[in-house]
């Protein structure tokens, strides 16, 4: 049904004058859980950004999250401005993307190869999620520097987000150009 609906929508949209100058964003807010059997996949969402006249088609498989959508749109529009997002543009070429999620009482921070699980007081696990999707092999002892780096990033991210939300200022200083 979704494929048919999107095909119909885009067939009709192509007929409109605004089509060529539009950025289309298709994403979900949650996955289909009944088919999921590992921690990582419950956070995997589709994201399609389509701009008929601007963006060259490509597939990116790295880490991203919904907070990266606004900065990416601003890049597509060539807008250099202060924005209310904790994310970064997926078009920036930056290699160090992170995604922070909450799962029950724990938080997780993903980078392009590892995921750290924490309750913000201590590290509850460090896993190579690409090769160990069910988290059987905790690597925090074998890779303490990576665990420390991700734990510090997670705590700083939560602290910065909480501070900004409490003061109605969701904008990181590093995003001001």
N, C-alpha and C. Protein backbone atom coordinates (compact mmCIF):
# COMPACT_ATOMS: atom_id res chain seq x y z
N UNK A 1 0.82 -1.20 0.00
CA UNK A 1 0.00 0.00 0.00
C UNK A 1 0.86 1.26 0.00
N UNK A 2 1.90 1.29 0.79
CA UNK A 2 2.76 2.49 0.87
C UNK A 2 3.41 2.78 -0.47
N UNK A 3 3.95 1.75 -1.12
CA UNK A 3 4.59 1.95 -2.42
C UNK A 3 3.62 2.54 -3.43
N UNK A 4 2.41 1.99 -3.47
CA UNK A 4 1.39 2.48 -4.40
C UNK A 4 1.04 3.94 -4.08
N UNK A 5 0.88 4.24 -2.80
CA UNK A 5 0.52 5.61 -2.40
C UNK A 5 1.61 6.60 -2.78
N UNK A 6 2.87 6.24 -2.55
CA UNK A 6 3.97 7.14 -2.90
C UNK A 6 4.08 7.31 -4.41
N UNK A 7 3.91 6.23 -5.16
CA UNK A 7 3.94 6.30 -6.61
C UNK A 7 2.85 7.24 -7.12
N UNK A 8 1.66 7.11 -6.58
CA UNK A 8 0.54 7.96 -6.98
C UNK A 8 0.81 9.41 -6.60
N UNK A 9 1.28 9.63 -5.38
CA UNK A 9 1.58 10.99 -4.93
C UNK A 9 2.59 11.66 -5.85
N UNK A 10 3.72 10.99 -6.11
CA UNK A 10 4.77 11.60 -6.93
C UNK A 10 4.34 11.77 -8.38
N UNK A 11 3.51 10.87 -8.90
CA UNK A 11 2.99 11.03 -10.26
C UNK A 11 2.15 12.30 -10.36
N UNK A 12 1.35 12.56 -9.35
CA UNK A 12 0.53 13.78 -9.34
C UNK A 12 1.38 15.02 -9.05
N UNK A 13 2.32 14.91 -8.14
CA UNK A 13 3.17 16.05 -7.78
C UNK A 13 4.01 16.51 -8.96
N UNK A 14 4.48 15.58 -9.79
CA UNK A 14 5.30 15.94 -10.97
C UNK A 14 4.56 16.89 -11.92
N UNK A 15 3.27 16.87 -11.87
CA UNK A 15 2.45 17.71 -12.75
C UNK A 15 2.36 19.15 -12.25
N UNK A 16 2.78 19.41 -11.05
CA UNK A 16 2.63 20.73 -10.43
C UNK A 16 3.85 21.62 -10.68
N UNK A 17 3.61 22.91 -10.75
CA UNK A 17 4.69 23.87 -10.98
C UNK A 17 5.73 23.87 -9.86
N UNK A 18 5.32 23.61 -8.65
CA UNK A 18 6.21 23.67 -7.49
C UNK A 18 7.11 22.44 -7.35
N UNK A 19 6.85 21.39 -8.10
CA UNK A 19 7.53 20.10 -7.93
C UNK A 19 9.06 20.23 -8.00
N UNK A 20 9.57 20.89 -9.03
CA UNK A 20 11.02 20.95 -9.23
C UNK A 20 11.74 21.71 -8.12
N UNK A 21 11.05 22.59 -7.43
CA UNK A 21 11.67 23.39 -6.37
C UNK A 21 11.27 22.95 -4.97
N UNK A 22 10.92 21.69 -4.84
CA UNK A 22 10.45 21.18 -3.56
C UNK A 22 11.43 20.16 -3.01
N UNK A 23 11.60 20.17 -1.70
CA UNK A 23 12.37 19.13 -1.01
C UNK A 23 11.36 18.24 -0.31
N UNK A 24 11.35 16.98 -0.69
CA UNK A 24 10.43 16.01 -0.10
C UNK A 24 11.18 15.22 0.97
N UNK A 25 10.58 15.09 2.14
CA UNK A 25 11.20 14.35 3.24
C UNK A 25 10.22 13.27 3.67
N UNK A 26 10.67 12.03 3.58
CA UNK A 26 9.85 10.90 4.00
C UNK A 26 10.60 10.15 5.10
N UNK A 27 9.98 10.02 6.22
CA UNK A 27 10.59 9.29 7.34
C UNK A 27 9.49 8.73 8.22
N UNK A 28 9.88 7.96 9.19
CA UNK A 28 8.94 7.42 10.15
C UNK A 28 9.29 7.91 11.54
N UNK A 29 8.36 7.75 12.46
CA UNK A 29 8.66 8.12 13.84
C UNK A 29 8.88 6.89 14.71
N UNK A 30 8.61 5.73 14.18
CA UNK A 30 8.89 4.47 14.88
C UNK A 30 8.88 3.33 13.87
N UNK A 31 9.64 2.26 14.14
CA UNK A 31 9.65 1.11 13.23
C UNK A 31 8.49 0.17 13.53
N UNK A 32 8.37 -0.84 12.71
CA UNK A 32 7.37 -1.87 12.90
C UNK A 32 7.95 -2.90 13.86
N UNK A 33 7.59 -2.82 15.14
CA UNK A 33 8.26 -3.60 16.20
C UNK A 33 8.05 -5.11 16.12
N UNK A 34 6.95 -5.60 15.66
CA UNK A 34 6.70 -7.03 15.75
C UNK A 34 7.66 -7.86 14.92
N UNK A 35 8.37 -7.25 13.99
CA UNK A 35 9.35 -7.97 13.19
C UNK A 35 10.77 -7.79 13.72
N UNK A 36 10.94 -7.11 14.83
CA UNK A 36 12.27 -6.78 15.33
C UNK A 36 12.68 -7.74 16.43
N UNK A 37 13.93 -8.18 16.38
CA UNK A 37 14.40 -9.06 17.43
C UNK A 37 15.77 -8.68 17.97
N UNK A 38 16.22 -7.49 17.66
CA UNK A 38 17.47 -7.02 18.24
C UNK A 38 17.35 -5.54 18.56
N UNK A 39 18.18 -5.08 19.48
CA UNK A 39 18.11 -3.72 20.01
C UNK A 39 18.28 -2.66 18.92
N UNK A 40 19.25 -2.84 18.06
CA UNK A 40 19.56 -1.83 17.05
C UNK A 40 18.40 -1.62 16.10
N UNK A 41 17.78 -2.68 15.65
CA UNK A 41 16.75 -2.55 14.62
C UNK A 41 15.50 -1.83 15.12
N UNK A 42 15.28 -1.78 16.43
CA UNK A 42 14.10 -1.05 16.90
C UNK A 42 14.26 0.46 16.74
N UNK A 43 15.47 0.90 16.42
CA UNK A 43 15.71 2.33 16.20
C UNK A 43 15.97 2.66 14.74
N UNK A 44 15.92 1.68 13.86
CA UNK A 44 16.17 1.94 12.44
C UNK A 44 14.90 2.45 11.77
N UNK A 45 15.01 3.63 11.21
CA UNK A 45 13.89 4.26 10.52
C UNK A 45 14.32 4.64 9.11
N UNK A 46 13.40 4.57 8.17
CA UNK A 46 13.75 5.05 6.83
C UNK A 46 13.81 6.57 6.81
N UNK A 47 14.68 7.10 6.01
CA UNK A 47 14.74 8.54 5.77
C UNK A 47 15.07 8.73 4.30
N UNK A 48 14.17 9.38 3.60
CA UNK A 48 14.36 9.68 2.20
C UNK A 48 14.22 11.20 2.04
N UNK A 49 15.28 11.80 1.52
CA UNK A 49 15.24 13.23 1.21
C UNK A 49 15.39 13.32 -0.30
N UNK A 50 14.37 13.85 -0.94
CA UNK A 50 14.33 13.90 -2.40
C UNK A 50 14.08 15.33 -2.87
N UNK A 51 14.96 15.79 -3.72
CA UNK A 51 14.83 17.13 -4.29
C UNK A 51 15.10 17.01 -5.78
N UNK A 52 14.07 17.04 -6.60
CA UNK A 52 14.23 16.79 -8.03
C UNK A 52 15.29 17.65 -8.72
N UNK A 53 15.45 18.89 -8.30
CA UNK A 53 16.38 19.77 -9.01
C UNK A 53 17.70 20.00 -8.27
N UNK A 54 17.82 19.50 -7.03
CA UNK A 54 19.01 19.84 -6.25
C UNK A 54 19.90 18.66 -5.90
N UNK A 55 19.35 17.63 -5.34
CA UNK A 55 20.17 16.58 -4.76
C UNK A 55 20.47 15.46 -5.76
N UNK A 56 21.73 15.10 -5.82
CA UNK A 56 22.15 13.97 -6.62
C UNK A 56 21.77 12.70 -5.85
N UNK A 57 21.14 11.73 -6.50
CA UNK A 57 20.74 10.52 -5.79
C UNK A 57 21.94 9.76 -5.21
N UNK A 58 21.82 9.39 -3.96
CA UNK A 58 22.85 8.57 -3.32
C UNK A 58 22.25 7.89 -2.10
N UNK A 59 22.89 6.84 -1.68
CA UNK A 59 22.46 6.11 -0.49
C UNK A 59 23.54 6.26 0.56
N UNK A 60 23.13 6.67 1.74
CA UNK A 60 24.06 6.80 2.87
C UNK A 60 23.61 5.79 3.93
N UNK A 61 24.54 5.04 4.44
CA UNK A 61 24.20 4.01 5.40
C UNK A 61 24.75 4.27 6.80
N UNK A 62 25.32 5.43 6.99
CA UNK A 62 25.89 5.75 8.30
C UNK A 62 24.83 6.11 9.32
N UNK A 63 25.28 6.50 10.47
CA UNK A 63 24.40 6.88 11.57
C UNK A 63 23.80 8.25 11.31
N UNK A 64 22.53 8.36 11.60
CA UNK A 64 21.82 9.63 11.53
C UNK A 64 20.62 9.52 12.45
N UNK A 65 20.05 10.66 12.79
CA UNK A 65 18.82 10.64 13.56
C UNK A 65 17.93 11.78 13.10
N UNK A 66 16.74 11.83 13.62
CA UNK A 66 15.78 12.84 13.17
C UNK A 66 16.25 14.26 13.43
N UNK A 67 17.12 14.45 14.42
CA UNK A 67 17.63 15.80 14.69
C UNK A 67 18.56 16.28 13.58
N UNK A 68 18.99 15.38 12.70
CA UNK A 68 19.86 15.77 11.58
C UNK A 68 19.07 16.27 10.37
N UNK A 69 17.76 16.15 10.37
CA UNK A 69 16.96 16.53 9.21
C UNK A 69 17.00 18.04 8.98
N UNK A 70 16.74 18.84 10.00
CA UNK A 70 16.73 20.30 9.82
C UNK A 70 18.06 20.83 9.30
N UNK A 71 19.20 20.48 9.89
CA UNK A 71 20.46 20.99 9.35
C UNK A 71 20.71 20.53 7.91
N UNK A 72 20.25 19.34 7.56
CA UNK A 72 20.41 18.84 6.19
C UNK A 72 19.57 19.66 5.21
N UNK A 73 18.35 19.97 5.60
CA UNK A 73 17.49 20.81 4.75
C UNK A 73 18.11 22.19 4.56
N UNK A 74 18.62 22.76 5.64
CA UNK A 74 19.26 24.07 5.53
C UNK A 74 20.45 24.03 4.58
N UNK A 75 21.21 22.93 4.60
CA UNK A 75 22.32 22.78 3.65
C UNK A 75 21.80 22.71 2.22
N UNK A 76 20.74 21.95 1.99
CA UNK A 76 20.16 21.87 0.65
C UNK A 76 19.70 23.23 0.15
N UNK A 77 19.21 24.06 1.06
CA UNK A 77 18.74 25.39 0.71
C UNK A 77 19.85 26.44 0.69
N UNK A 78 21.08 26.00 1.00
CA UNK A 78 22.23 26.92 1.09
C UNK A 78 21.98 28.04 2.09
N UNK A 79 21.33 27.71 3.19
CA UNK A 79 21.06 28.68 4.25
C UNK A 79 22.08 28.52 5.36
N UNK A 80 22.79 29.57 5.62
CA UNK A 80 23.74 29.58 6.73
C UNK A 80 23.10 30.41 7.83
N UNK A 81 22.54 29.72 8.82
CA UNK A 81 21.82 30.44 9.86
C UNK A 81 21.81 29.65 11.16
N UNK A 82 21.51 30.34 12.21
CA UNK A 82 21.32 29.69 13.51
C UNK A 82 20.04 28.88 13.42
N UNK A 83 20.09 27.67 13.92
CA UNK A 83 18.89 26.83 13.87
C UNK A 83 18.70 26.09 15.18
N UNK A 84 17.49 25.69 15.41
CA UNK A 84 17.13 24.99 16.64
C UNK A 84 17.21 23.49 16.43
N UNK A 85 18.40 22.95 16.42
CA UNK A 85 18.59 21.51 16.25
C UNK A 85 19.86 21.06 16.95
N UNK A 86 19.81 19.90 17.54
CA UNK A 86 21.00 19.31 18.15
C UNK A 86 21.74 18.44 17.14
N UNK A 87 21.25 18.39 15.89
CA UNK A 87 21.84 17.54 14.87
C UNK A 87 22.84 18.26 14.00
N UNK A 88 23.32 17.54 13.00
CA UNK A 88 24.24 18.13 12.03
C UNK A 88 23.86 17.63 10.64
N UNK A 89 24.21 18.39 9.63
CA UNK A 89 23.82 18.08 8.26
C UNK A 89 24.43 16.76 7.80
N UNK A 90 23.62 15.97 7.14
CA UNK A 90 24.10 14.71 6.56
C UNK A 90 24.87 14.95 5.27
N UNK A 91 24.88 16.19 4.80
CA UNK A 91 25.60 16.55 3.57
C UNK A 91 26.94 17.21 3.86
N UNK A 92 27.27 17.35 5.13
CA UNK A 92 28.47 18.10 5.51
C UNK A 92 29.77 17.35 5.23
N UNK A 93 29.68 16.06 4.99
CA UNK A 93 30.90 15.27 4.81
C UNK A 93 31.52 14.86 6.13
N UNK A 94 30.94 15.30 7.22
CA UNK A 94 31.44 14.98 8.55
C UNK A 94 31.35 13.47 8.77
N UNK A 95 32.41 12.88 9.28
CA UNK A 95 32.45 11.44 9.49
C UNK A 95 31.92 11.02 10.86
N UNK A 96 31.93 11.90 11.84
CA UNK A 96 31.60 11.53 13.21
C UNK A 96 30.16 11.79 13.61
N UNK A 97 29.20 11.23 12.90
CA UNK A 97 27.80 11.39 13.31
C UNK A 97 27.48 10.48 14.49
N UNK A 98 26.60 10.95 15.34
CA UNK A 98 26.13 10.18 16.48
C UNK A 98 24.60 10.21 16.49
N UNK A 99 24.04 9.22 17.15
CA UNK A 99 22.59 9.23 17.39
C UNK A 99 22.38 8.83 18.84
N UNK A 100 21.58 9.62 19.54
CA UNK A 100 21.27 9.35 20.95
C UNK A 100 19.81 8.96 21.03
N UNK A 101 19.53 7.85 21.71
CA UNK A 101 18.16 7.37 21.86
C UNK A 101 17.93 6.97 23.31
N UNK A 102 16.68 6.92 23.67
CA UNK A 102 16.32 6.45 25.01
C UNK A 102 15.51 5.18 24.86
N UNK A 103 15.82 4.21 25.70
CA UNK A 103 15.12 2.93 25.68
C UNK A 103 14.85 2.54 27.13
N UNK A 104 13.62 2.75 27.57
CA UNK A 104 13.29 2.49 28.97
C UNK A 104 14.06 3.44 29.86
N UNK A 105 14.75 2.89 30.85
CA UNK A 105 15.52 3.71 31.79
C UNK A 105 16.93 3.98 31.30
N UNK A 106 17.28 3.43 30.15
CA UNK A 106 18.64 3.58 29.64
C UNK A 106 18.67 4.46 28.39
N UNK A 107 19.86 5.00 28.16
CA UNK A 107 20.14 5.75 26.95
C UNK A 107 21.15 4.95 26.14
N UNK A 108 21.17 5.20 24.86
CA UNK A 108 22.18 4.60 23.99
C UNK A 108 22.71 5.69 23.09
N UNK A 109 24.01 5.64 22.83
CA UNK A 109 24.61 6.53 21.86
C UNK A 109 25.31 5.65 20.82
N UNK A 110 24.93 5.87 19.57
CA UNK A 110 25.48 5.13 18.44
C UNK A 110 26.48 6.02 17.71
N UNK A 111 27.60 5.43 17.31
CA UNK A 111 28.45 6.09 16.33
C UNK A 111 28.47 5.16 15.12
N UNK A 112 29.41 5.30 14.23
CA UNK A 112 29.36 4.49 13.01
C UNK A 112 29.79 3.04 13.19
N UNK A 113 30.00 2.59 14.40
CA UNK A 113 30.36 1.19 14.60
C UNK A 113 30.01 0.64 15.96
N UNK A 114 29.95 1.51 16.95
CA UNK A 114 29.72 1.06 18.32
C UNK A 114 28.45 1.69 18.88
N UNK A 115 27.91 1.02 19.90
CA UNK A 115 26.81 1.59 20.66
C UNK A 115 27.15 1.42 22.14
N UNK A 116 26.95 2.49 22.88
CA UNK A 116 27.16 2.46 24.32
C UNK A 116 25.80 2.56 24.99
N UNK A 117 25.55 1.69 25.96
CA UNK A 117 24.31 1.69 26.72
C UNK A 117 24.64 2.20 28.12
N UNK A 118 23.81 3.12 28.63
CA UNK A 118 24.09 3.72 29.93
C UNK A 118 22.81 4.22 30.59
N UNK A 119 22.84 4.23 31.92
CA UNK A 119 21.76 4.87 32.68
C UNK A 119 22.17 6.28 33.10
N UNK A 120 23.24 6.78 32.53
CA UNK A 120 23.88 8.08 32.78
C UNK A 120 24.72 8.11 34.06
N UNK A 121 24.61 7.09 34.88
CA UNK A 121 25.46 6.99 36.06
C UNK A 121 26.68 6.12 35.77
N UNK A 122 26.46 5.08 34.99
CA UNK A 122 27.55 4.17 34.66
C UNK A 122 27.33 3.58 33.27
N UNK A 123 28.37 2.98 32.73
CA UNK A 123 28.29 2.31 31.43
C UNK A 123 27.74 0.91 31.66
N UNK A 124 26.67 0.58 30.97
CA UNK A 124 26.06 -0.74 31.10
C UNK A 124 26.46 -1.68 29.98
N UNK A 125 27.14 -1.17 28.97
CA UNK A 125 27.63 -2.03 27.90
C UNK A 125 28.13 -1.22 26.72
N UNK A 126 29.10 -1.80 26.01
CA UNK A 126 29.63 -1.25 24.77
C UNK A 126 29.65 -2.39 23.77
N UNK A 127 29.01 -2.18 22.60
CA UNK A 127 28.85 -3.27 21.65
C UNK A 127 29.15 -2.82 20.23
N UNK A 128 29.65 -3.76 19.45
CA UNK A 128 29.84 -3.58 18.02
C UNK A 128 28.52 -3.97 17.37
N UNK A 129 27.61 -3.01 17.22
CA UNK A 129 26.25 -3.34 16.81
C UNK A 129 26.15 -3.86 15.38
N UNK A 130 27.12 -3.60 14.55
CA UNK A 130 27.06 -4.11 13.17
C UNK A 130 27.31 -5.62 13.12
N UNK A 131 28.10 -6.13 14.06
CA UNK A 131 28.43 -7.55 14.08
C UNK A 131 27.82 -8.30 15.26
N UNK A 132 27.22 -7.59 16.21
CA UNK A 132 26.66 -8.21 17.41
C UNK A 132 25.35 -7.50 17.75
N UNK A 133 24.35 -7.69 16.90
CA UNK A 133 23.08 -7.00 17.05
C UNK A 133 22.28 -7.38 18.27
N UNK A 134 22.58 -8.53 18.87
CA UNK A 134 21.86 -8.94 20.08
C UNK A 134 22.68 -8.68 21.35
N UNK A 135 23.81 -8.03 21.19
CA UNK A 135 24.64 -7.56 22.30
C UNK A 135 25.06 -8.68 23.26
N UNK A 136 25.72 -9.67 22.72
CA UNK A 136 26.25 -10.76 23.54
C UNK A 136 27.67 -10.49 24.03
N UNK A 137 28.42 -9.65 23.30
CA UNK A 137 29.83 -9.45 23.61
C UNK A 137 30.08 -8.01 24.05
N UNK A 138 30.07 -7.78 25.36
CA UNK A 138 30.32 -6.44 25.92
C UNK A 138 31.80 -6.12 25.78
N UNK A 139 32.10 -5.02 25.09
CA UNK A 139 33.49 -4.65 24.77
C UNK A 139 34.05 -3.54 25.65
N UNK A 140 33.34 -3.13 26.70
CA UNK A 140 33.83 -1.99 27.46
C UNK A 140 35.16 -2.25 28.15
N UNK A 141 35.45 -3.46 28.52
CA UNK A 141 36.75 -3.78 29.12
C UNK A 141 37.85 -3.83 28.07
N UNK A 142 37.53 -4.38 26.90
CA UNK A 142 38.51 -4.51 25.83
C UNK A 142 38.78 -3.17 25.13
N UNK A 143 37.82 -2.26 25.17
CA UNK A 143 37.96 -0.98 24.48
C UNK A 143 37.57 0.18 25.41
N UNK A 144 38.30 0.35 26.49
CA UNK A 144 37.92 1.36 27.49
C UNK A 144 37.93 2.79 26.96
N UNK A 145 38.84 3.11 26.04
CA UNK A 145 38.90 4.47 25.52
C UNK A 145 37.66 4.81 24.69
N UNK A 146 37.21 3.86 23.88
CA UNK A 146 35.99 4.09 23.10
C UNK A 146 34.78 4.22 24.02
N UNK A 147 34.74 3.38 25.05
CA UNK A 147 33.63 3.44 26.02
C UNK A 147 33.63 4.79 26.73
N UNK A 148 34.78 5.25 27.17
CA UNK A 148 34.88 6.53 27.86
C UNK A 148 34.45 7.67 26.95
N UNK A 149 34.93 7.66 25.71
CA UNK A 149 34.60 8.72 24.75
C UNK A 149 33.10 8.79 24.49
N UNK A 150 32.46 7.65 24.25
CA UNK A 150 31.02 7.64 23.99
C UNK A 150 30.23 8.01 25.24
N UNK A 151 30.68 7.58 26.41
CA UNK A 151 29.99 7.93 27.66
C UNK A 151 30.05 9.44 27.90
N UNK A 152 31.22 10.03 27.67
CA UNK A 152 31.35 11.48 27.83
C UNK A 152 30.47 12.21 26.82
N UNK A 153 30.44 11.73 25.58
CA UNK A 153 29.60 12.35 24.57
C UNK A 153 28.13 12.28 24.98
N UNK A 154 27.68 11.10 25.42
CA UNK A 154 26.29 10.91 25.82
C UNK A 154 25.92 11.86 26.96
N UNK A 155 26.74 11.90 27.99
CA UNK A 155 26.43 12.75 29.14
C UNK A 155 26.43 14.23 28.75
N UNK A 156 27.38 14.63 27.92
CA UNK A 156 27.42 16.03 27.48
C UNK A 156 26.20 16.36 26.62
N UNK A 157 25.81 15.45 25.76
CA UNK A 157 24.64 15.66 24.89
C UNK A 157 23.38 15.83 25.74
N UNK A 158 23.17 14.93 26.70
CA UNK A 158 21.99 15.01 27.56
C UNK A 158 22.01 16.29 28.38
N UNK A 159 23.18 16.64 28.92
CA UNK A 159 23.29 17.87 29.71
C UNK A 159 22.99 19.09 28.85
N UNK A 160 23.54 19.13 27.66
CA UNK A 160 23.34 20.28 26.78
C UNK A 160 21.87 20.37 26.34
N UNK A 161 21.28 19.24 26.00
CA UNK A 161 19.87 19.23 25.58
C UNK A 161 18.97 19.65 26.74
N UNK A 162 19.22 19.14 27.92
CA UNK A 162 18.39 19.49 29.09
C UNK A 162 18.50 20.98 29.41
N UNK A 163 19.72 21.51 29.36
CA UNK A 163 19.94 22.93 29.60
C UNK A 163 19.19 23.78 28.58
N UNK A 164 19.31 23.40 27.30
CA UNK A 164 18.67 24.17 26.23
C UNK A 164 17.15 24.10 26.33
N UNK A 165 16.62 22.95 26.60
CA UNK A 165 15.17 22.79 26.71
C UNK A 165 14.63 23.61 27.87
N UNK A 166 15.33 23.57 29.00
CA UNK A 166 14.88 24.31 30.18
C UNK A 166 14.86 25.82 29.93
N UNK A 167 15.70 26.27 29.00
CA UNK A 167 15.79 27.71 28.73
C UNK A 167 15.24 28.09 27.35
N UNK A 168 14.55 27.13 26.71
CA UNK A 168 13.96 27.35 25.39
C UNK A 168 15.01 27.83 24.39
N UNK A 169 16.18 27.18 24.40
CA UNK A 169 17.29 27.54 23.50
C UNK A 169 17.92 26.30 22.91
N UNK A 170 17.22 25.63 22.03
CA UNK A 170 17.75 24.40 21.43
C UNK A 170 18.66 24.77 20.26
N UNK A 171 19.88 25.12 20.57
CA UNK A 171 20.85 25.45 19.54
C UNK A 171 22.24 25.32 20.16
N UNK A 172 23.08 24.50 19.54
CA UNK A 172 24.44 24.36 20.04
C UNK A 172 25.31 25.50 19.52
N UNK A 173 26.21 25.95 20.34
CA UNK A 173 27.11 27.04 19.95
C UNK A 173 27.88 26.70 18.67
N UNK A 174 28.26 25.43 18.50
CA UNK A 174 29.02 25.02 17.31
C UNK A 174 28.24 25.13 16.03
N UNK A 175 26.91 25.25 16.11
CA UNK A 175 26.08 25.35 14.90
C UNK A 175 25.94 26.79 14.42
N UNK A 176 26.40 27.74 15.21
CA UNK A 176 26.31 29.13 14.80
C UNK A 176 27.46 29.41 13.85
N UNK A 177 27.13 29.78 12.63
CA UNK A 177 28.17 29.99 11.60
C UNK A 177 28.41 31.46 11.39
